[in-house]
Amino acid sequence: MRTDDLIAALAADPPQAARPLSGRALMALAPAAALIGLMFLILVGVRHDIALPSAAVATGLKMGVAALAAGGGLALALRLSAPGARPGAAALPLAAALAALALWIAWEFAALGPAGWPRRLIGTNAVYCLTLIPLMALVPLAALLAALRAGAPERPARAGAFAGLAAAGVAAAVYATHCTDDSPLFVLAWYSLAALAVSGLGALLAARLLRW
């Protein structure tokens, strides 16, 4: 076959559509989230009073903040996985999570006053929070980093840090069903610290795994 004929034959073949990076990430994250949720329900379980209205509302708020953080982390990781990309509107879910947490803290101080805030801040489950959230986040973090290898981030560590935030948000949303510390001060202190640890791990791993 002549070269011209080969080129013409290759040009005639329809291009294969590559799966978008967002699709890869979601396809990786969904089963990872389902897996840690199932393992958590079997090994740890939900809080005993979750059927009570006050506990259900607090659990829903914690899960909502964690889900917004996860969505923001995922959106930012995807955005920064393209060379030269800037955060832009991808930062909006994370900003919404911070705003929701700030409003929740303001409501608690208005309702309960400043008395007792150290007790609400420290809570009773800080050790569990700092242990279980990072441990559960390892599975979705690994899945996300594997998916993000199809990208080309200009700053791999930054993309990995936000992937870690997304993984921690997923793990925190699951953990919130067990946690009986319902103060937003506890969420701000300990959930954030756990997420920071996972983000740091994501940055360290991505600096090696996402280089191009």
C-alpha atoms as a PDB file:
ATOM      1  CA  MET A   1       0.000   0.000   0.000  1.00  0.00           C
ATOM      2  CA  ARG A   2       1.334   3.403  -0.924  1.00  0.00           C
ATOM      3  CA  THR A   3       1.836   6.042   1.767  1.00  0.00           C
ATOM      4  CA  ASP A   4      -0.888   8.254   0.285  1.00  0.00           C
ATOM      5  CA  ASP A   5      -3.356   5.365   0.372  1.00  0.00           C
ATOM      6  CA  LEU A   6      -2.488   4.584   4.011  1.00  0.00           C
ATOM      7  CA  ILE A   7      -3.004   8.195   5.046  1.00  0.00           C
ATOM      8  CA  ALA A   8      -6.330   8.316   3.246  1.00  0.00           C
ATOM      9  CA  ALA A   9      -7.474   5.086   4.920  1.00  0.00           C
ATOM     10  CA  LEU A  10      -6.544   6.362   8.372  1.00  0.00           C
ATOM     11  CA  ALA A  11      -8.305   9.672   7.740  1.00  0.00           C
ATOM     12  CA  ALA A  12     -11.448   7.819   6.702  1.00  0.00           C
ATOM     13  CA  ASP A  13     -11.723   5.996  10.048  1.00  0.00           C
ATOM     14  CA  PRO A  14     -14.046   7.809  12.477  1.00  0.00           C
ATOM     15  CA  PRO A  15     -12.163   9.255  15.469  1.00  0.00           C
ATOM     16  CA  GLN A  16     -12.627   7.428  18.741  1.00  0.00           C
ATOM     17  CA  ALA A  17     -14.223   9.706  21.313  1.00  0.00           C
ATOM     18  CA  ALA A  18     -12.135   9.818  24.446  1.00  0.00           C
ATOM     19  CA  ARG A  19     -14.004   9.760  27.742  1.00  0.00           C
ATOM     20  CA  PRO A  20     -13.844  13.225  29.354  1.00  0.00           C
ATOM     21  CA  LEU A  21     -11.699  13.528  32.447  1.00  0.00           C
ATOM     22  CA  SER A  22     -14.774  14.442  34.495  1.00  0.00           C
ATOM     23  CA  GLY A  23     -16.405  11.187  33.416  1.00  0.00           C
ATOM     24  CA  ARG A  24     -13.325   9.208  34.376  1.00  0.00           C
ATOM     25  CA  ALA A  25     -13.243  10.858  37.808  1.00  0.00           C
ATOM     26  CA  LEU A  26     -16.926  10.262  38.503  1.00  0.00           C
ATOM     27  CA  MET A  27     -16.715   6.671  37.317  1.00  0.00           C
ATOM     28  CA  ALA A  28     -13.821   6.166  39.726  1.00  0.00           C
ATOM     29  CA  LEU A  29     -15.319   8.063  42.648  1.00  0.00           C
ATOM     30  CA  ALA A  30     -18.819   6.560  42.623  1.00  0.00           C
ATOM     31  CA  PRO A  31     -17.847   2.927  43.349  1.00  0.00           C
ATOM     32  CA  ALA A  32     -15.213   4.079  45.850  1.00  0.00           C
ATOM     33  CA  ALA A  33     -17.835   6.081  47.752  1.00  0.00           C
ATOM     34  CA  ALA A  34     -20.264   3.158  47.649  1.00  0.00           C
ATOM     35  CA  LEU A  35     -17.574   0.821  48.956  1.00  0.00           C
ATOM     36  CA  ILE A  36     -16.587   2.934  51.948  1.00  0.00           C
ATOM     37  CA  GLY A  37     -20.249   3.616  52.718  1.00  0.00           C
ATOM     38  CA  LEU A  38     -21.040  -0.094  52.795  1.00  0.00           C
ATOM     39  CA  MET A  39     -17.970  -0.934  54.875  1.00  0.00           C
ATOM     40  CA  PHE A  40     -18.777   1.875  57.293  1.00  0.00           C
ATOM     41  CA  LEU A  41     -22.354   0.697  57.770  1.00  0.00           C
ATOM     42  CA  ILE A  42     -21.187  -2.867  58.422  1.00  0.00           C
ATOM     43  CA  LEU A  43     -18.238  -2.107  60.695  1.00  0.00           C
ATOM     44  CA  VAL A  44     -19.274   1.115  62.478  1.00  0.00           C
ATOM     45  CA  GLY A  45     -22.938   1.901  61.825  1.00  0.00           C
ATOM     46  CA  VAL A  46     -25.052   5.022  62.128  1.00  0.00           C
ATOM     47  CA  ARG A  47     -25.724   6.911  65.336  1.00  0.00           C
ATOM     48  CA  HIS A  48     -28.359   5.354  67.562  1.00  0.00           C
ATOM     49  CA  ASP A  49     -30.542   8.483  67.730  1.00  0.00           C
ATOM     50  CA  ILE A  50     -30.541   9.373  64.050  1.00  0.00           C
ATOM     51  CA  ALA A  51     -34.320   9.004  63.877  1.00  0.00           C
ATOM     52  CA  LEU A  52     -34.813  11.923  66.279  1.00  0.00           C
ATOM     53  CA  PRO A  53     -35.570  15.213  64.469  1.00  0.00           C
ATOM     54  CA  SER A  54     -32.727  17.161  66.099  1.00  0.00           C
ATOM     55  CA  ALA A  55     -30.172  14.464  65.286  1.00  0.00           C
ATOM     56  CA  ALA A  56     -31.496  14.048  61.747  1.00  0.00           C
ATOM     57  CA  VAL A  57     -31.246  17.802  61.069  1.00  0.00           C
ATOM     58  CA  ALA A  58     -27.720  18.040  62.477  1.00  0.00           C
ATOM     59  CA  THR A  59     -26.609  14.976  60.533  1.00  0.00           C
ATOM     60  CA  GLY A  60     -28.097  16.409  57.361  1.00  0.00           C
ATOM     61  CA  LEU A  61     -26.280  19.710  57.875  1.00  0.00           C
ATOM     62  CA  LYS A  62     -22.959  17.964  58.443  1.00  0.00           C
ATOM     63  CA  MET A  63     -23.463  15.796  55.385  1.00  0.00           C
ATOM     64  CA  GLY A  64     -24.455  18.818  53.311  1.00  0.00           C
ATOM     65  CA  VAL A  65     -21.346  20.795  54.224  1.00  0.00           C
ATOM     66  CA  ALA A  66     -19.160  17.746  53.567  1.00  0.00           C
ATOM     67  CA  ALA A  67     -20.844  17.098  50.226  1.00  0.00           C
ATOM     68  CA  LEU A  68     -20.303  20.709  49.130  1.00  0.00           C
ATOM     69  CA  ALA A  69     -16.643  20.442  50.120  1.00  0.00           C
ATOM     70  CA  ALA A  70     -16.346  17.193  48.165  1.00  0.00           C
ATOM     71  CA  GLY A  71     -17.968  18.760  45.117  1.00  0.00           C
ATOM     72  CA  GLY A  72     -15.741  21.801  45.332  1.00  0.00           C
ATOM     73  CA  GLY A  73     -12.611  19.703  45.721  1.00  0.00           C
ATOM     74  CA  LEU A  74     -13.568  17.530  42.756  1.00  0.00           C
ATOM     75  CA  ALA A  75     -14.420  20.509  40.544  1.00  0.00           C
ATOM     76  CA  LEU A  76     -11.144  22.234  41.385  1.00  0.00           C
ATOM     77  CA  ALA A  77      -9.082  19.071  40.899  1.00  0.00           C
ATOM     78  CA  LEU A  78     -10.645  18.573  37.472  1.00  0.00           C
ATOM     79  CA  ARG A  79     -10.174  22.209  36.496  1.00  0.00           C
ATOM     80  CA  LEU A  80      -6.528  22.247  37.573  1.00  0.00           C
ATOM     81  CA  SER A  81      -5.798  18.996  35.742  1.00  0.00           C
ATOM     82  CA  ALA A  82      -5.594  20.919  32.476  1.00  0.00           C
ATOM     83  CA  PRO A  83      -2.405  22.867  31.702  1.00  0.00           C
ATOM     84  CA  GLY A  84      -2.710  26.580  32.358  1.00  0.00           C
ATOM     85  CA  ALA A  85      -6.178  26.279  33.939  1.00  0.00           C
ATOM     86  CA  ARG A  86      -7.366  28.580  36.719  1.00  0.00           C
ATOM     87  CA  PRO A  87      -9.983  27.791  39.406  1.00  0.00           C
ATOM     88  CA  GLY A  88     -12.727  30.120  38.143  1.00  0.00           C
ATOM     89  CA  ALA A  89     -16.284  29.027  38.863  1.00  0.00           C
ATOM     90  CA  ALA A  90     -15.051  25.613  40.031  1.00  0.00           C
ATOM     91  CA  ALA A  91     -14.395  27.200  43.424  1.00  0.00           C
ATOM     92  CA  LEU A  92     -18.080  28.057  43.964  1.00  0.00           C
ATOM     93  CA  PRO A  93     -19.108  24.793  45.729  1.00  0.00           C
ATOM     94  CA  LEU A  94     -16.216  25.168  48.158  1.00  0.00           C
ATOM     95  CA  ALA A  95     -17.177  28.785  48.820  1.00  0.00           C
ATOM     96  CA  ALA A  96     -20.758  27.610  49.399  1.00  0.00           C
ATOM     97  CA  ALA A  97     -19.523  25.044  51.946  1.00  0.00           C
ATOM     98  CA  LEU A  98     -17.614  27.726  53.849  1.00  0.00           C
ATOM     99  CA  ALA A  99     -20.581  30.105  53.744  1.00  0.00           C
ATOM    100  CA  ALA A 100     -22.982  27.407  54.973  1.00  0.00           C
ATOM    101  CA  LEU A 101     -20.661  26.529  57.837  1.00  0.00           C
ATOM    102  CA  ALA A 102     -20.272  30.211  58.782  1.00  0.00           C
ATOM    103  CA  LEU A 103     -24.052  30.695  58.809  1.00  0.00           C
ATOM    104  CA  TRP A 104     -24.490  27.571  60.906  1.00  0.00           C
ATOM    105  CA  ILE A 105     -21.925  28.808  63.444  1.00  0.00           C
ATOM    106  CA  ALA A 106     -23.622  32.213  63.570  1.00  0.00           C
ATOM    107  CA  TRP A 107     -27.000  30.543  64.161  1.00  0.00           C
ATOM    108  CA  GLU A 108     -25.596  28.400  66.974  1.00  0.00           C
ATOM    109  CA  PHE A 109     -24.061  31.392  68.742  1.00  0.00           C
ATOM    110  CA  ALA A 110     -27.328  33.298  68.365  1.00  0.00           C
ATOM    111  CA  ALA A 111     -29.341  30.367  69.722  1.00  0.00           C
ATOM    112  CA  LEU A 112     -27.036  29.133  72.491  1.00  0.00           C
ATOM    113  CA  GLY A 113     -24.829  32.114  73.204  1.00  0.00           C
ATOM    114  CA  PRO A 114     -21.087  32.005  73.791  1.00  0.00           C
ATOM    115  CA  ALA A 115     -21.342  29.919  76.966  1.00  0.00           C
ATOM    116  CA  GLY A 116     -20.050  26.400  76.566  1.00  0.00           C
ATOM    117  CA  TRP A 117     -18.386  26.921  73.190  1.00  0.00           C
ATOM    118  CA  PRO A 118     -15.112  25.222  74.265  1.00  0.00           C
ATOM    119  CA  ARG A 119     -17.055  22.076  75.126  1.00  0.00           C
ATOM    120  CA  ARG A 120     -18.891  22.156  71.800  1.00  0.00           C
ATOM    121  CA  LEU A 121     -15.626  22.748  69.969  1.00  0.00           C
ATOM    122  CA  ILE A 122     -13.765  19.845  71.565  1.00  0.00           C
ATOM    123  CA  GLY A 123     -16.698  17.432  71.556  1.00  0.00           C
ATOM    124  CA  THR A 124     -16.364  13.761  72.427  1.00  0.00           C
ATOM    125  CA  ASN A 125     -15.401  12.123  69.125  1.00  0.00           C
ATOM    126  CA  ALA A 126     -12.369  14.086  67.982  1.00  0.00           C
ATOM    127  CA  VAL A 127     -10.095  11.034  67.952  1.00  0.00           C
ATOM    128  CA  TYR A 128     -12.591   9.004  65.913  1.00  0.00           C
ATOM    129  CA  CYS A 129     -13.040  11.904  63.523  1.00  0.00           C
ATOM    130  CA  LEU A 130      -9.311  12.343  62.960  1.00  0.00           C
ATOM    131  CA  THR A 131      -8.875   8.602  62.488  1.00  0.00           C
ATOM    132  CA  LEU A 132     -11.890   7.416  60.506  1.00  0.00           C
ATOM    133  CA  ILE A 133     -12.176  10.245  57.978  1.00  0.00           C
ATOM    134  CA  PRO A 134      -8.576   9.954  56.696  1.00  0.00           C
ATOM    135  CA  LEU A 135      -8.750   6.147  56.688  1.00  0.00           C
ATOM    136  CA  MET A 136     -11.996   6.094  54.715  1.00  0.00           C
ATOM    137  CA  ALA A 137     -10.694   8.768  52.357  1.00  0.00           C
ATOM    138  CA  LEU A 138      -7.817   6.576  51.163  1.00  0.00           C
ATOM    139  CA  VAL A 139     -10.015   4.575  48.784  1.00  0.00           C
ATOM    140  CA  PRO A 140     -11.646   7.540  46.972  1.00  0.00           C
ATOM    141  CA  LEU A 141      -8.309   9.386  46.945  1.00  0.00           C
ATOM    142  CA  ALA A 142      -6.605   6.490  45.185  1.00  0.00           C
ATOM    143  CA  ALA A 143      -9.485   6.259  42.701  1.00  0.00           C
ATOM    144  CA  LEU A 144      -9.371   9.977  41.945  1.00  0.00           C
ATOM    145  CA  LEU A 145      -5.605  10.107  41.500  1.00  0.00           C
ATOM    146  CA  ALA A 146      -5.794   7.149  39.123  1.00  0.00           C
ATOM    147  CA  ALA A 147      -8.451   8.956  37.090  1.00  0.00           C
ATOM    148  CA  LEU A 148      -6.576  12.268  37.105  1.00  0.00           C
ATOM    149  CA  ARG A 149      -3.517  10.638  35.536  1.00  0.00           C
ATOM    150  CA  ALA A 150      -5.319  11.121  32.242  1.00  0.00           C
ATOM    151  CA  GLY A 151      -4.975  14.883  32.730  1.00  0.00           C
ATOM    152  CA  ALA A 152      -1.990  17.182  32.462  1.00  0.00           C
ATOM    153  CA  PRO A 153      -1.937  19.486  35.493  1.00  0.00           C
ATOM    154  CA  GLU A 154       0.473  22.377  35.470  1.00  0.00           C
ATOM    155  CA  ARG A 155       0.795  22.085  39.257  1.00  0.00           C
ATOM    156  CA  PRO A 156       0.220  18.422  40.124  1.00  0.00           C
ATOM    157  CA  ALA A 157       0.481  18.934  43.876  1.00  0.00           C
ATOM    158  CA  ARG A 158      -2.286  21.546  43.846  1.00  0.00           C
ATOM    159  CA  ALA A 159      -4.591  19.300  41.819  1.00  0.00           C
ATOM    160  CA  GLY A 160      -3.805  16.442  44.179  1.00  0.00           C
ATOM    161  CA  ALA A 161      -4.577  18.565  47.222  1.00  0.00           C
ATOM    162  CA  PHE A 162      -8.060  19.281  45.907  1.00  0.00           C
ATOM    163  CA  ALA A 163      -8.495  15.606  45.013  1.00  0.00           C
ATOM    164  CA  GLY A 164      -7.667  14.903  48.653  1.00  0.00           C
ATOM    165  CA  LEU A 165     -10.289  17.434  49.723  1.00  0.00           C
ATOM    166  CA  ALA A 166     -12.861  15.707  47.521  1.00  0.00           C
ATOM    167  CA  ALA A 167     -11.992  12.315  49.002  1.00  0.00           C
ATOM    168  CA  ALA A 168     -12.119  13.700  52.541  1.00  0.00           C
ATOM    169  CA  GLY A 169     -15.493  15.305  51.834  1.00  0.00           C
ATOM    170  CA  VAL A 170     -16.921  11.975  50.700  1.00  0.00           C
ATOM    171  CA  ALA A 171     -15.515  10.242  53.782  1.00  0.00           C
ATOM    172  CA  ALA A 172     -16.775  13.011  56.084  1.00  0.00           C
ATOM    173  CA  ALA A 173     -20.283  12.789  54.634  1.00  0.00           C
ATOM    174  CA  VAL A 174     -20.322   9.081  55.461  1.00  0.00           C
ATOM    175  CA  TYR A 175     -18.779   9.585  58.900  1.00  0.00           C
ATOM    176  CA  ALA A 176     -21.371  12.262  59.733  1.00  0.00           C
ATOM    177  CA  THR A 177     -24.031   9.559  59.974  1.00  0.00           C
ATOM    178  CA  HIS A 178     -22.186   8.147  62.998  1.00  0.00           C
ATOM    179  CA  CYS A 179     -20.852  11.304  64.663  1.00  0.00           C
ATOM    180  CA  THR A 180     -22.885  12.552  67.632  1.00  0.00           C
ATOM    181  CA  ASP A 181     -21.017  15.872  67.941  1.00  0.00           C
ATOM    182  CA  ASP A 182     -23.525  18.181  66.300  1.00  0.00           C
ATOM    183  CA  SER A 183     -21.905  21.580  66.805  1.00  0.00           C
ATOM    184  CA  PRO A 184     -20.633  23.406  63.703  1.00  0.00           C
ATOM    185  CA  LEU A 185     -17.625  24.363  65.817  1.00  0.00           C
ATOM    186  CA  PHE A 186     -16.703  20.684  66.017  1.00  0.00           C
ATOM    187  CA  VAL A 187     -17.138  20.359  62.259  1.00  0.00           C
ATOM    188  CA  LEU A 188     -14.972  23.415  61.661  1.00  0.00           C
ATOM    189  CA  ALA A 189     -12.189  22.184  63.935  1.00  0.00           C
ATOM    190  CA  TRP A 190     -11.987  18.429  63.473  1.00  0.00           C
ATOM    191  CA  TYR A 191     -13.587  17.683  60.124  1.00  0.00           C
ATOM    192  CA  SER A 192     -11.412  20.437  58.632  1.00  0.00           C
ATOM    193  CA  LEU A 193      -8.269  19.093  60.280  1.00  0.00           C
ATOM    194  CA  ALA A 194      -8.976  15.597  58.957  1.00  0.00           C
ATOM    195  CA  ALA A 195      -9.600  17.025  55.479  1.00  0.00           C
ATOM    196  CA  LEU A 196      -6.359  19.000  55.673  1.00  0.00           C
ATOM    197  CA  ALA A 197      -4.428  15.797  56.403  1.00  0.00           C
ATOM    198  CA  VAL A 198      -5.952  14.039  53.384  1.00  0.00           C
ATOM    199  CA  SER A 199      -5.330  17.076  51.182  1.00  0.00           C
ATOM    200  CA  GLY A 200      -1.685  17.066  52.220  1.00  0.00           C
ATOM    201  CA  LEU A 201      -1.400  13.385  51.375  1.00  0.00           C
ATOM    202  CA  GLY A 202      -3.064  14.015  48.028  1.00  0.00           C
ATOM    203  CA  ALA A 203      -0.600  16.785  47.245  1.00  0.00           C
ATOM    204  CA  LEU A 204       2.391  14.593  48.114  1.00  0.00           C
ATOM    205  CA  LEU A 205       1.162  11.660  46.033  1.00  0.00           C
ATOM    206  CA  ALA A 206       0.090  13.766  43.077  1.00  0.00           C
ATOM    207  CA  ALA A 207       3.463  15.510  42.909  1.00  0.00           C
ATOM    208  CA  ARG A 208       4.871  12.111  41.910  1.00  0.00           C
ATOM    209  CA  LEU A 209       1.947  10.436  40.152  1.00  0.00           C
ATOM    210  CA  LEU A 210       0.552  13.307  38.067  1.00  0.00           C
ATOM    211  CA  ARG A 211       3.787  14.711  36.678  1.00  0.00           C
ATOM    212  CA  TRP A 212       4.041  14.890  32.913  1.00  0.00           C
END
